[in-house]
Amino acid sequence: MLGLIGKKIGMTQVFDEQGTQTPVTVIEVEPNVVIGERTPEKHGYSAVVLGYGVRRKSRIRKPYAGQFPESIDPSQILTEVKDFDGKYKLGEKIGLETFEGVHFVDVRGISKGKGFQGVMKRHGFAGGPRTHGSLVHRELGSTGLASGKVFKGTKMPGRMGAERKTVQNLQVVKVDPQAAVLLVKGAVPGRRGATLFVAKAKKK
């Protein structure tokens, strides 16, 4: 598996030679640092621990700082990538050049939080009649209490968004290692500035 940690910059559009417009998401992928390694002999599986961003040593506690070798500055974000493609040493930086030749990616992130929402916005309910005498416009309606309880999983109002989402098979429009920028066709989860994990598409 090939993947790196990045940050969502926002959306824009690009035009090809024929003038066709393509909406793209700009993802900043600065070089990730190899923080650690998981081996089958010691941990039972194979993985590489990647770090993104830099945290000041004065802002971290000893348990968190103990994950990093002395020669490596503490990273702001850590993630494990199982069965990482290629062999890398501790402290080595992995940049966007590893995505050269990759045409489709999967992007994982935390979706935008929308707070407490009703059933029409959260689940797409149609609602009641919109005439003045109905008295039921955006209400939930019956929840099937003939059994004496509300069954788990019933579609009801509640917190919406702020969930881990993965968008698969996004086409790579451009890879710019010098600017540390990746352009992918379409939208990805999260707000501007959100942390993303970009990986080579599994189904392509």
N, C-alpha and C. Protein backbone atom coordinates (compact mmCIF):
# COMPACT_ATOMS: atom_id res chain seq x y z
N MET A 1 0.84 -1.19 0.00
CA MET A 1 0.00 0.00 0.00
C MET A 1 0.88 1.25 0.00
N LEU A 2 0.46 2.23 -0.76
CA LEU A 2 1.20 3.48 -0.87
C LEU A 2 0.28 4.61 -0.43
N GLY A 3 0.69 5.38 0.59
CA GLY A 3 -0.15 6.47 1.06
C GLY A 3 0.65 7.50 1.83
N LEU A 4 0.15 8.74 1.85
CA LEU A 4 0.79 9.85 2.54
C LEU A 4 -0.25 10.71 3.22
N ILE A 5 0.18 11.43 4.26
CA ILE A 5 -0.69 12.36 4.97
C ILE A 5 -0.59 13.73 4.30
N GLY A 6 -1.74 14.39 4.15
CA GLY A 6 -1.77 15.70 3.52
C GLY A 6 -2.78 16.62 4.17
N LYS A 7 -2.97 17.78 3.57
CA LYS A 7 -3.90 18.79 4.09
C LYS A 7 -4.72 19.36 2.94
N LYS A 8 -6.03 19.50 3.17
CA LYS A 8 -6.92 20.04 2.14
C LYS A 8 -6.77 21.56 2.07
N ILE A 9 -6.43 22.05 0.89
CA ILE A 9 -6.29 23.49 0.68
C ILE A 9 -7.60 24.10 0.23
N GLY A 10 -8.31 23.42 -0.64
CA GLY A 10 -9.58 23.93 -1.15
C GLY A 10 -9.85 23.38 -2.54
N MET A 11 -10.85 23.95 -3.22
CA MET A 11 -11.21 23.51 -4.57
C MET A 11 -10.99 24.63 -5.57
N THR A 12 -10.69 24.22 -6.79
CA THR A 12 -10.53 25.16 -7.90
C THR A 12 -10.90 24.42 -9.18
N GLN A 13 -10.53 24.98 -10.31
CA GLN A 13 -10.81 24.33 -11.58
C GLN A 13 -9.63 24.50 -12.52
N VAL A 14 -9.45 23.51 -13.38
CA VAL A 14 -8.38 23.54 -14.37
C VAL A 14 -9.00 23.30 -15.74
N PHE A 15 -8.28 23.75 -16.77
CA PHE A 15 -8.74 23.61 -18.15
C PHE A 15 -7.67 22.87 -18.95
N ASP A 16 -8.12 21.94 -19.80
CA ASP A 16 -7.18 21.23 -20.65
C ASP A 16 -7.01 21.97 -21.97
N GLU A 17 -6.29 21.37 -22.90
CA GLU A 17 -6.00 22.03 -24.17
C GLU A 17 -7.26 22.27 -25.00
N GLN A 18 -8.28 21.43 -24.81
CA GLN A 18 -9.54 21.61 -25.55
C GLN A 18 -10.48 22.60 -24.86
N GLY A 19 -10.08 23.11 -23.70
CA GLY A 19 -10.92 24.06 -22.98
C GLY A 19 -11.93 23.40 -22.05
N THR A 20 -11.80 22.11 -21.83
CA THR A 20 -12.73 21.42 -20.94
C THR A 20 -12.42 21.76 -19.49
N GLN A 21 -13.44 22.13 -18.76
CA GLN A 21 -13.28 22.50 -17.35
C GLN A 21 -13.36 21.26 -16.47
N THR A 22 -12.46 21.15 -15.49
CA THR A 22 -12.45 20.03 -14.55
C THR A 22 -12.37 20.57 -13.13
N PRO A 23 -13.35 20.30 -12.28
CA PRO A 23 -13.25 20.72 -10.88
C PRO A 23 -12.27 19.84 -10.13
N VAL A 24 -11.36 20.43 -9.39
CA VAL A 24 -10.33 19.67 -8.70
C VAL A 24 -10.20 20.15 -7.26
N THR A 25 -9.73 19.25 -6.40
CA THR A 25 -9.39 19.59 -5.02
C THR A 25 -7.88 19.66 -4.91
N VAL A 26 -7.40 20.72 -4.27
CA VAL A 26 -5.97 20.92 -4.08
C VAL A 26 -5.58 20.36 -2.72
N ILE A 27 -4.67 19.39 -2.71
CA ILE A 27 -4.21 18.75 -1.48
C ILE A 27 -2.72 19.01 -1.33
N GLU A 28 -2.35 19.62 -0.23
CA GLU A 28 -0.93 19.87 0.05
C GLU A 28 -0.36 18.65 0.77
N VAL A 29 0.68 18.06 0.17
CA VAL A 29 1.31 16.86 0.74
C VAL A 29 2.79 17.16 0.91
N GLU A 30 3.12 17.69 2.08
CA GLU A 30 4.53 17.92 2.38
C GLU A 30 5.19 16.58 2.71
N PRO A 31 6.52 16.49 2.59
CA PRO A 31 7.19 15.21 2.85
C PRO A 31 6.86 14.63 4.22
N ASN A 32 6.47 13.36 4.22
CA ASN A 32 6.19 12.65 5.47
C ASN A 32 7.47 12.01 5.99
N VAL A 33 7.64 12.00 7.29
CA VAL A 33 8.83 11.45 7.91
C VAL A 33 8.52 10.06 8.46
N VAL A 34 9.42 9.12 8.22
CA VAL A 34 9.27 7.77 8.76
C VAL A 34 9.66 7.80 10.23
N ILE A 35 8.66 7.63 11.10
CA ILE A 35 8.88 7.71 12.54
C ILE A 35 9.25 6.36 13.14
N GLY A 36 8.61 5.30 12.65
CA GLY A 36 8.85 3.98 13.21
C GLY A 36 8.46 2.90 12.23
N GLU A 37 8.67 1.67 12.65
CA GLU A 37 8.38 0.52 11.80
C GLU A 37 7.78 -0.59 12.64
N ARG A 38 6.77 -1.24 12.10
CA ARG A 38 6.14 -2.38 12.76
C ARG A 38 6.52 -3.64 11.99
N THR A 39 7.04 -4.63 12.70
CA THR A 39 7.52 -5.85 12.06
C THR A 39 6.68 -7.04 12.51
N PRO A 40 6.53 -8.05 11.66
CA PRO A 40 5.76 -9.24 12.05
C PRO A 40 6.36 -9.97 13.24
N GLU A 41 7.68 -9.94 13.38
CA GLU A 41 8.32 -10.63 14.48
C GLU A 41 7.98 -10.01 15.84
N LYS A 42 7.89 -8.68 15.88
CA LYS A 42 7.68 -7.98 17.15
C LYS A 42 6.22 -7.58 17.37
N HIS A 43 5.55 -7.15 16.31
CA HIS A 43 4.20 -6.62 16.46
C HIS A 43 3.12 -7.50 15.83
N GLY A 44 3.51 -8.47 15.02
CA GLY A 44 2.54 -9.34 14.39
C GLY A 44 2.03 -8.87 13.04
N TYR A 45 2.50 -7.72 12.58
CA TYR A 45 2.11 -7.22 11.26
C TYR A 45 3.20 -6.28 10.76
N SER A 46 3.12 -5.97 9.48
CA SER A 46 4.11 -5.11 8.84
C SER A 46 3.49 -3.75 8.55
N ALA A 47 4.14 -2.68 9.00
CA ALA A 47 3.61 -1.34 8.77
C ALA A 47 4.72 -0.32 8.96
N VAL A 48 4.46 0.88 8.44
CA VAL A 48 5.36 2.02 8.60
C VAL A 48 4.59 3.14 9.28
N VAL A 49 5.21 3.78 10.28
CA VAL A 49 4.59 4.90 10.98
C VAL A 49 5.08 6.20 10.34
N LEU A 50 4.14 6.98 9.80
CA LEU A 50 4.48 8.24 9.14
C LEU A 50 4.08 9.41 10.02
N GLY A 51 4.89 10.47 9.98
CA GLY A 51 4.61 11.70 10.71
C GLY A 51 4.46 12.87 9.76
N TYR A 52 3.54 13.78 10.11
CA TYR A 52 3.27 14.95 9.27
C TYR A 52 3.23 16.19 10.15
N GLY A 53 3.90 17.25 9.71
CA GLY A 53 3.94 18.48 10.49
C GLY A 53 4.95 18.38 11.63
N VAL A 54 5.17 19.50 12.27
CA VAL A 54 6.15 19.57 13.37
C VAL A 54 5.48 20.21 14.58
N ARG A 55 5.71 19.59 15.75
CA ARG A 55 5.21 20.14 17.01
C ARG A 55 6.40 20.61 17.85
N ARG A 56 6.20 21.69 18.57
CA ARG A 56 7.25 22.19 19.45
C ARG A 56 7.43 21.24 20.63
N LYS A 57 8.67 20.99 20.99
CA LYS A 57 8.95 20.07 22.08
C LYS A 57 8.40 20.57 23.40
N SER A 58 8.26 21.89 23.54
CA SER A 58 7.73 22.44 24.79
C SER A 58 6.23 22.19 24.94
N ARG A 59 5.58 21.77 23.86
CA ARG A 59 4.13 21.58 23.89
C ARG A 59 3.72 20.11 24.00
N ILE A 60 4.65 19.21 24.13
CA ILE A 60 4.31 17.79 24.18
C ILE A 60 4.79 17.19 25.48
N ARG A 61 4.17 16.07 25.86
CA ARG A 61 4.52 15.39 27.09
C ARG A 61 5.42 14.19 26.78
N LYS A 62 6.03 13.68 27.82
CA LYS A 62 7.01 12.61 27.65
C LYS A 62 6.44 11.35 26.99
N PRO A 63 5.22 10.89 27.33
CA PRO A 63 4.71 9.69 26.65
C PRO A 63 4.61 9.85 25.14
N TYR A 64 4.19 11.05 24.69
CA TYR A 64 4.10 11.29 23.25
C TYR A 64 5.49 11.45 22.64
N ALA A 65 6.37 12.14 23.34
CA ALA A 65 7.72 12.36 22.80
C ALA A 65 8.52 11.07 22.74
N GLY A 66 8.16 10.08 23.57
CA GLY A 66 8.91 8.83 23.58
C GLY A 66 8.77 8.00 22.32
N GLN A 67 7.83 8.35 21.45
CA GLN A 67 7.66 7.61 20.20
C GLN A 67 8.71 7.97 19.17
N PHE A 68 9.38 9.10 19.37
CA PHE A 68 10.27 9.62 18.33
C PHE A 68 11.73 9.38 18.71
N PRO A 69 12.53 8.91 17.75
CA PRO A 69 13.98 8.81 18.00
C PRO A 69 14.57 10.19 18.28
N GLU A 70 15.73 10.21 18.88
CA GLU A 70 16.34 11.48 19.29
C GLU A 70 16.64 12.38 18.09
N SER A 71 16.92 11.80 16.96
CA SER A 71 17.31 12.61 15.79
C SER A 71 16.11 13.14 15.01
N ILE A 72 14.88 12.81 15.44
CA ILE A 72 13.68 13.20 14.69
C ILE A 72 12.84 14.12 15.55
N ASP A 73 12.43 15.25 14.97
CA ASP A 73 11.55 16.19 15.67
C ASP A 73 10.14 15.59 15.81
N PRO A 74 9.45 15.89 16.91
CA PRO A 74 8.08 15.37 17.09
C PRO A 74 7.14 15.86 15.99
N SER A 75 6.33 14.96 15.47
CA SER A 75 5.38 15.30 14.42
C SER A 75 4.02 15.63 15.01
N GLN A 76 3.26 16.42 14.28
CA GLN A 76 1.95 16.83 14.74
C GLN A 76 0.92 15.73 14.56
N ILE A 77 1.02 14.97 13.47
CA ILE A 77 0.05 13.92 13.16
C ILE A 77 0.81 12.64 12.84
N LEU A 78 0.33 11.52 13.38
CA LEU A 78 0.93 10.22 13.13
C LEU A 78 -0.11 9.27 12.56
N THR A 79 0.34 8.38 11.69
CA THR A 79 -0.55 7.34 11.17
C THR A 79 0.28 6.13 10.77
N GLU A 80 -0.34 4.97 10.86
CA GLU A 80 0.31 3.73 10.44
C GLU A 80 -0.20 3.33 9.06
N VAL A 81 0.70 2.91 8.22
CA VAL A 81 0.34 2.44 6.88
C VAL A 81 0.81 0.99 6.78
N LYS A 82 -0.14 0.08 6.72
CA LYS A 82 0.21 -1.34 6.67
C LYS A 82 0.71 -1.73 5.28
N ASP A 83 1.67 -2.63 5.25
CA ASP A 83 2.23 -3.16 4.00
C ASP A 83 2.63 -2.03 3.06
N PHE A 84 3.41 -1.11 3.58
CA PHE A 84 3.83 0.06 2.80
C PHE A 84 4.75 -0.38 1.66
N ASP A 85 4.52 0.18 0.47
CA ASP A 85 5.33 -0.16 -0.70
C ASP A 85 6.73 0.45 -0.57
N GLY A 86 7.74 -0.37 -0.70
CA GLY A 86 9.12 0.10 -0.64
C GLY A 86 9.71 -0.01 0.75
N LYS A 87 11.03 0.14 0.82
CA LYS A 87 11.77 0.06 2.07
C LYS A 87 12.32 1.44 2.41
N TYR A 88 12.05 1.90 3.62
CA TYR A 88 12.50 3.22 4.05
C TYR A 88 13.13 3.11 5.44
N LYS A 89 14.12 3.97 5.69
CA LYS A 89 14.82 3.98 6.97
C LYS A 89 14.18 5.02 7.89
N LEU A 90 14.46 4.89 9.19
CA LEU A 90 13.97 5.85 10.16
C LEU A 90 14.53 7.23 9.86
N GLY A 91 13.67 8.23 9.91
CA GLY A 91 14.09 9.60 9.65
C GLY A 91 14.04 9.99 8.19
N GLU A 92 13.81 9.03 7.30
CA GLU A 92 13.77 9.34 5.86
C GLU A 92 12.45 10.02 5.51
N LYS A 93 12.51 10.98 4.60
CA LYS A 93 11.33 11.73 4.18
C LYS A 93 10.79 11.17 2.85
N ILE A 94 9.46 11.02 2.81
CA ILE A 94 8.79 10.49 1.62
C ILE A 94 7.92 11.59 1.05
N GLY A 95 8.20 12.00 -0.17
CA GLY A 95 7.46 13.09 -0.80
C GLY A 95 6.50 12.62 -1.87
N LEU A 96 5.94 13.60 -2.58
CA LEU A 96 4.95 13.31 -3.61
C LEU A 96 5.52 12.59 -4.82
N GLU A 97 6.84 12.57 -4.94
CA GLU A 97 7.42 11.88 -6.09
C GLU A 97 7.06 10.39 -6.10
N THR A 98 6.66 9.85 -4.95
CA THR A 98 6.25 8.44 -4.91
C THR A 98 4.93 8.21 -5.63
N PHE A 99 4.17 9.28 -5.89
CA PHE A 99 2.88 9.16 -6.59
C PHE A 99 3.03 9.33 -8.11
N GLU A 100 4.23 9.47 -8.59
CA GLU A 100 4.43 9.56 -10.03
C GLU A 100 3.97 8.26 -10.69
N GLY A 101 3.14 8.38 -11.69
CA GLY A 101 2.60 7.19 -12.37
C GLY A 101 1.31 6.66 -11.78
N VAL A 102 0.86 7.22 -10.65
CA VAL A 102 -0.42 6.82 -10.04
C VAL A 102 -1.54 7.66 -10.65
N HIS A 103 -2.57 7.00 -11.18
CA HIS A 103 -3.65 7.71 -11.88
C HIS A 103 -4.92 7.84 -11.05
N PHE A 104 -5.09 7.00 -10.02
CA PHE A 104 -6.29 7.07 -9.19
C PHE A 104 -5.90 6.89 -7.73
N VAL A 105 -6.57 7.64 -6.84
CA VAL A 105 -6.26 7.58 -5.42
C VAL A 105 -7.55 7.47 -4.61
N ASP A 106 -7.40 6.98 -3.38
CA ASP A 106 -8.47 6.99 -2.38
C ASP A 106 -8.10 8.03 -1.33
N VAL A 107 -9.06 8.88 -0.96
CA VAL A 107 -8.81 9.96 -0.01
C VAL A 107 -9.70 9.74 1.21
N ARG A 108 -9.07 9.72 2.40
CA ARG A 108 -9.79 9.51 3.65
C ARG A 108 -9.67 10.73 4.53
N GLY A 109 -10.78 11.10 5.16
CA GLY A 109 -10.78 12.26 6.05
C GLY A 109 -12.02 12.30 6.91
N ILE A 110 -12.13 13.35 7.73
CA ILE A 110 -13.29 13.57 8.59
C ILE A 110 -14.22 14.56 7.90
N SER A 111 -15.47 14.15 7.69
CA SER A 111 -16.42 15.01 6.99
C SER A 111 -16.78 16.23 7.82
N LYS A 112 -17.37 17.23 7.19
CA LYS A 112 -17.77 18.45 7.88
C LYS A 112 -18.85 18.15 8.93
N GLY A 113 -18.69 18.73 10.10
CA GLY A 113 -19.70 18.58 11.14
C GLY A 113 -20.84 19.56 10.91
N LYS A 114 -22.08 19.06 10.99
CA LYS A 114 -23.26 19.90 10.75
C LYS A 114 -24.12 20.07 11.99
N GLY A 115 -23.65 19.55 13.14
CA GLY A 115 -24.39 19.74 14.37
C GLY A 115 -25.64 18.86 14.45
N PHE A 116 -26.56 19.22 15.35
CA PHE A 116 -27.80 18.46 15.54
C PHE A 116 -28.78 18.84 14.44
N GLN A 117 -29.25 17.84 13.69
CA GLN A 117 -30.13 18.08 12.54
C GLN A 117 -31.36 17.19 12.63
N GLY A 118 -32.41 17.63 11.96
CA GLY A 118 -33.64 16.86 11.90
C GLY A 118 -33.59 15.77 10.85
N VAL A 119 -34.70 15.03 10.75
CA VAL A 119 -34.71 13.87 9.86
C VAL A 119 -34.73 14.25 8.39
N MET A 120 -35.26 15.42 8.05
CA MET A 120 -35.32 15.81 6.63
C MET A 120 -33.92 16.07 6.07
N LYS A 121 -33.10 16.75 6.83
CA LYS A 121 -31.74 17.02 6.36
C LYS A 121 -30.83 15.82 6.59
N ARG A 122 -31.01 15.13 7.73
CA ARG A 122 -30.10 14.04 8.08
C ARG A 122 -30.35 12.78 7.28
N HIS A 123 -31.62 12.44 7.04
CA HIS A 123 -31.96 11.18 6.38
C HIS A 123 -32.74 11.36 5.08
N GLY A 124 -33.08 12.60 4.72
CA GLY A 124 -33.78 12.82 3.46
C GLY A 124 -35.27 12.53 3.51
N PHE A 125 -35.89 12.63 4.69
CA PHE A 125 -37.34 12.43 4.77
C PHE A 125 -38.06 13.49 3.95
N ALA A 126 -39.24 13.12 3.43
CA ALA A 126 -40.00 14.04 2.60
C ALA A 126 -40.76 15.07 3.41
N GLY A 127 -41.09 14.75 4.68
CA GLY A 127 -41.87 15.67 5.48
C GLY A 127 -43.36 15.53 5.21
N GLY A 128 -44.16 16.28 5.96
CA GLY A 128 -45.61 16.22 5.80
C GLY A 128 -46.12 17.23 4.80
N PRO A 129 -47.45 17.30 4.64
CA PRO A 129 -48.04 18.29 3.72
C PRO A 129 -47.66 19.71 4.12
N ARG A 130 -47.50 20.57 3.14
CA ARG A 130 -47.06 21.93 3.41
C ARG A 130 -48.24 22.91 3.53
N THR A 131 -49.44 22.42 3.53
CA THR A 131 -50.60 23.29 3.68
C THR A 131 -50.73 23.75 5.13
N HIS A 132 -51.55 24.79 5.34
CA HIS A 132 -51.64 25.41 6.66
C HIS A 132 -52.28 24.50 7.69
N GLY A 133 -53.15 23.61 7.29
CA GLY A 133 -53.89 22.84 8.28
C GLY A 133 -53.25 21.53 8.67
N SER A 134 -52.09 21.17 8.10
CA SER A 134 -51.54 19.84 8.37
C SER A 134 -50.93 19.74 9.77
N LEU A 135 -50.30 20.83 10.25
CA LEU A 135 -49.62 20.87 11.55
C LEU A 135 -48.40 19.95 11.62
N VAL A 136 -48.10 19.24 10.56
CA VAL A 136 -46.93 18.36 10.51
C VAL A 136 -46.15 18.69 9.24
N HIS A 137 -45.09 19.43 9.38
CA HIS A 137 -44.32 19.86 8.21
C HIS A 137 -42.96 19.15 8.13
N ARG A 138 -42.17 19.27 9.19
CA ARG A 138 -40.82 18.69 9.18
C ARG A 138 -40.61 17.71 10.33
N GLU A 139 -41.72 17.23 10.91
CA GLU A 139 -41.62 16.34 12.06
C GLU A 139 -41.22 14.93 11.67
N LEU A 140 -40.82 14.17 12.67
CA LEU A 140 -40.36 12.80 12.45
C LEU A 140 -41.50 11.86 12.10
N GLY A 141 -42.59 11.95 12.82
CA GLY A 141 -43.69 11.00 12.61
C GLY A 141 -43.56 9.81 13.53
N SER A 142 -44.25 8.75 13.23
CA SER A 142 -44.26 7.57 14.10
C SER A 142 -42.91 6.88 14.10
N THR A 143 -42.52 6.39 15.29
CA THR A 143 -41.27 5.63 15.42
C THR A 143 -41.54 4.16 15.70
N GLY A 144 -42.79 3.71 15.53
CA GLY A 144 -43.11 2.30 15.67
C GLY A 144 -43.04 1.80 17.08
N LEU A 145 -43.77 2.48 18.01
CA LEU A 145 -43.70 2.13 19.42
C LEU A 145 -44.69 1.03 19.81
N ALA A 146 -45.25 0.31 18.86
CA ALA A 146 -46.18 -0.77 19.21
C ALA A 146 -45.47 -1.85 20.02
N SER A 147 -44.15 -1.98 19.83
CA SER A 147 -43.39 -2.99 20.56
C SER A 147 -43.01 -2.51 21.96
N GLY A 148 -43.24 -1.23 22.25
CA GLY A 148 -42.89 -0.71 23.57
C GLY A 148 -41.52 -0.11 23.65
N LYS A 149 -40.75 -0.12 22.59
CA LYS A 149 -39.42 0.47 22.61
C LYS A 149 -39.05 0.92 21.20
N VAL A 150 -38.06 1.79 21.13
CA VAL A 150 -37.53 2.24 19.85
C VAL A 150 -36.33 1.35 19.51
N PHE A 151 -36.40 0.72 18.35
CA PHE A 151 -35.33 -0.20 17.97
C PHE A 151 -34.06 0.56 17.62
N LYS A 152 -32.94 -0.05 17.92
CA LYS A 152 -31.64 0.53 17.60
C LYS A 152 -31.48 0.67 16.10
N GLY A 153 -31.00 1.83 15.66
CA GLY A 153 -30.82 2.09 14.23
C GLY A 153 -31.97 2.82 13.59
N THR A 154 -33.05 3.11 14.34
CA THR A 154 -34.17 3.86 13.79
C THR A 154 -33.71 5.25 13.36
N LYS A 155 -34.12 5.68 12.20
CA LYS A 155 -33.71 6.98 11.68
C LYS A 155 -34.43 8.08 12.45
N MET A 156 -33.67 8.85 13.20
CA MET A 156 -34.21 9.90 14.04
C MET A 156 -33.29 11.12 13.98
N PRO A 157 -33.73 12.25 14.54
CA PRO A 157 -32.82 13.41 14.60
C PRO A 157 -31.58 13.10 15.42
N GLY A 158 -30.51 13.81 15.14
CA GLY A 158 -29.27 13.58 15.89
C GLY A 158 -28.11 14.33 15.26
N ARG A 159 -26.92 14.06 15.77
CA ARG A 159 -25.73 14.74 15.27
C ARG A 159 -25.41 14.25 13.86
N MET A 160 -25.07 15.17 13.00
CA MET A 160 -24.81 14.85 11.59
C MET A 160 -23.41 15.29 11.22
N GLY A 161 -22.72 14.47 10.44
CA GLY A 161 -21.39 14.81 9.97
C GLY A 161 -20.32 14.46 10.99
N ALA A 162 -19.11 14.99 10.76
CA ALA A 162 -17.95 14.74 11.62
C ALA A 162 -17.67 13.25 11.74
N GLU A 163 -17.76 12.53 10.62
CA GLU A 163 -17.50 11.10 10.58
C GLU A 163 -16.36 10.80 9.61
N ARG A 164 -15.70 9.69 9.85
CA ARG A 164 -14.61 9.29 8.96
C ARG A 164 -15.19 8.76 7.65
N LYS A 165 -14.77 9.39 6.55
CA LYS A 165 -15.27 9.03 5.23
C LYS A 165 -14.10 8.78 4.28
N THR A 166 -14.33 7.89 3.32
CA THR A 166 -13.34 7.61 2.29
C THR A 166 -13.99 7.73 0.92
N VAL A 167 -13.39 8.54 0.06
CA VAL A 167 -13.84 8.68 -1.32
C VAL A 167 -12.86 7.92 -2.20
N GLN A 168 -13.37 6.94 -2.94
CA GLN A 168 -12.50 6.06 -3.71
C GLN A 168 -12.42 6.47 -5.17
N ASN A 169 -11.32 6.06 -5.78
CA ASN A 169 -11.11 6.15 -7.23
C ASN A 169 -11.22 7.58 -7.76
N LEU A 170 -10.57 8.52 -7.08
CA LEU A 170 -10.50 9.88 -7.58
C LEU A 170 -9.34 10.00 -8.56
N GLN A 171 -9.62 10.58 -9.70
CA GLN A 171 -8.59 10.69 -10.74
C GLN A 171 -7.56 11.76 -10.38
N VAL A 172 -6.29 11.41 -10.55
CA VAL A 172 -5.20 12.36 -10.31
C VAL A 172 -5.03 13.22 -11.56
N VAL A 173 -5.23 14.52 -11.38
CA VAL A 173 -5.10 15.45 -12.51
C VAL A 173 -3.66 15.94 -12.65
N LYS A 174 -3.00 16.20 -11.52
CA LYS A 174 -1.63 16.71 -11.59
C LYS A 174 -0.89 16.39 -10.30
N VAL A 175 0.38 16.06 -10.42
CA VAL A 175 1.27 15.85 -9.28
C VAL A 175 2.43 16.81 -9.41
N ASP A 176 2.60 17.70 -8.42
CA ASP A 176 3.68 18.69 -8.45
C ASP A 176 4.53 18.52 -7.19
N PRO A 177 5.59 17.69 -7.25
CA PRO A 177 6.43 17.47 -6.06
C PRO A 177 7.13 18.72 -5.57
N GLN A 178 7.51 19.62 -6.47
CA GLN A 178 8.23 20.82 -6.05
C GLN A 178 7.35 21.74 -5.20
N ALA A 179 6.08 21.88 -5.61
CA ALA A 179 5.15 22.70 -4.83
C ALA A 179 4.45 21.90 -3.75
N ALA A 180 4.72 20.59 -3.69
CA ALA A 180 4.09 19.69 -2.70
C ALA A 180 2.57 19.75 -2.80
N VAL A 181 2.06 19.71 -4.03
CA VAL A 181 0.63 19.84 -4.27
C VAL A 181 0.15 18.70 -5.16
N LEU A 182 -1.02 18.15 -4.80
CA LEU A 182 -1.66 17.09 -5.57
C LEU A 182 -3.04 17.57 -5.96
N LEU A 183 -3.39 17.49 -7.25
CA LEU A 183 -4.72 17.87 -7.73
C LEU A 183 -5.49 16.61 -8.10
N VAL A 184 -6.67 16.44 -7.48
CA VAL A 184 -7.52 15.29 -7.77
C VAL A 184 -8.87 15.79 -8.24
N LYS A 185 -9.47 15.05 -9.14
CA LYS A 185 -10.76 15.42 -9.71
C LYS A 185 -11.89 15.14 -8.72
N GLY A 186 -12.71 16.17 -8.46
CA GLY A 186 -13.85 15.98 -7.57
C GLY A 186 -13.58 16.47 -6.17
N ALA A 187 -14.53 16.18 -5.27
CA ALA A 187 -14.48 16.66 -3.89
C ALA A 187 -13.98 15.57 -2.96
N VAL A 188 -13.43 16.00 -1.83
CA VAL A 188 -12.93 15.08 -0.80
C VAL A 188 -13.54 15.48 0.54
N PRO A 189 -13.56 14.58 1.52
CA PRO A 189 -14.17 14.92 2.81
C PRO A 189 -13.41 16.02 3.54
N GLY A 190 -14.15 16.74 4.41
CA GLY A 190 -13.51 17.69 5.30
C GLY A 190 -13.58 19.14 4.86
N ARG A 191 -13.32 20.01 5.81
CA ARG A 191 -13.27 21.44 5.56
C ARG A 191 -11.90 21.83 5.03
N ARG A 192 -11.74 23.10 4.67
CA ARG A 192 -10.42 23.59 4.27
C ARG A 192 -9.47 23.53 5.46
N GLY A 193 -8.29 23.01 5.23
CA GLY A 193 -7.32 22.86 6.29
C GLY A 193 -7.40 21.53 7.01
N ALA A 194 -8.34 20.67 6.62
CA ALA A 194 -8.50 19.38 7.29
C ALA A 194 -7.38 18.43 6.88
N THR A 195 -7.05 17.51 7.80
CA THR A 195 -6.04 16.51 7.52
C THR A 195 -6.64 15.38 6.71
N LEU A 196 -5.91 14.93 5.69
CA LEU A 196 -6.36 13.86 4.80
C LEU A 196 -5.28 12.78 4.71
N PHE A 197 -5.72 11.59 4.34
CA PHE A 197 -4.79 10.52 4.03
C PHE A 197 -5.05 10.09 2.59
N VAL A 198 -4.04 10.27 1.75
CA VAL A 198 -4.16 9.97 0.32
C VAL A 198 -3.41 8.68 0.04
N ALA A 199 -4.11 7.71 -0.54
CA ALA A 199 -3.50 6.40 -0.82
C ALA A 199 -3.80 6.00 -2.26
N LYS A 200 -2.93 5.16 -2.78
CA LYS A 200 -3.15 4.60 -4.11
C LYS A 200 -4.45 3.80 -4.11
N ALA A 201 -5.28 3.99 -5.15
CA ALA A 201 -6.60 3.36 -5.19
C ALA A 201 -6.48 1.84 -5.15
N LYS A 202 -7.32 1.23 -4.31
CA LYS A 202 -7.29 -0.22 -4.18
C LYS A 202 -8.01 -0.92 -5.32
N LYS A 203 -9.01 -0.27 -5.91
CA LYS A 203 -9.87 -0.91 -6.89
C LYS A 203 -9.53 -0.52 -8.33
N LYS A 204 -8.43 0.18 -8.51
CA LYS A 204 -8.03 0.58 -9.86
C LYS A 204 -6.65 0.02 -10.19
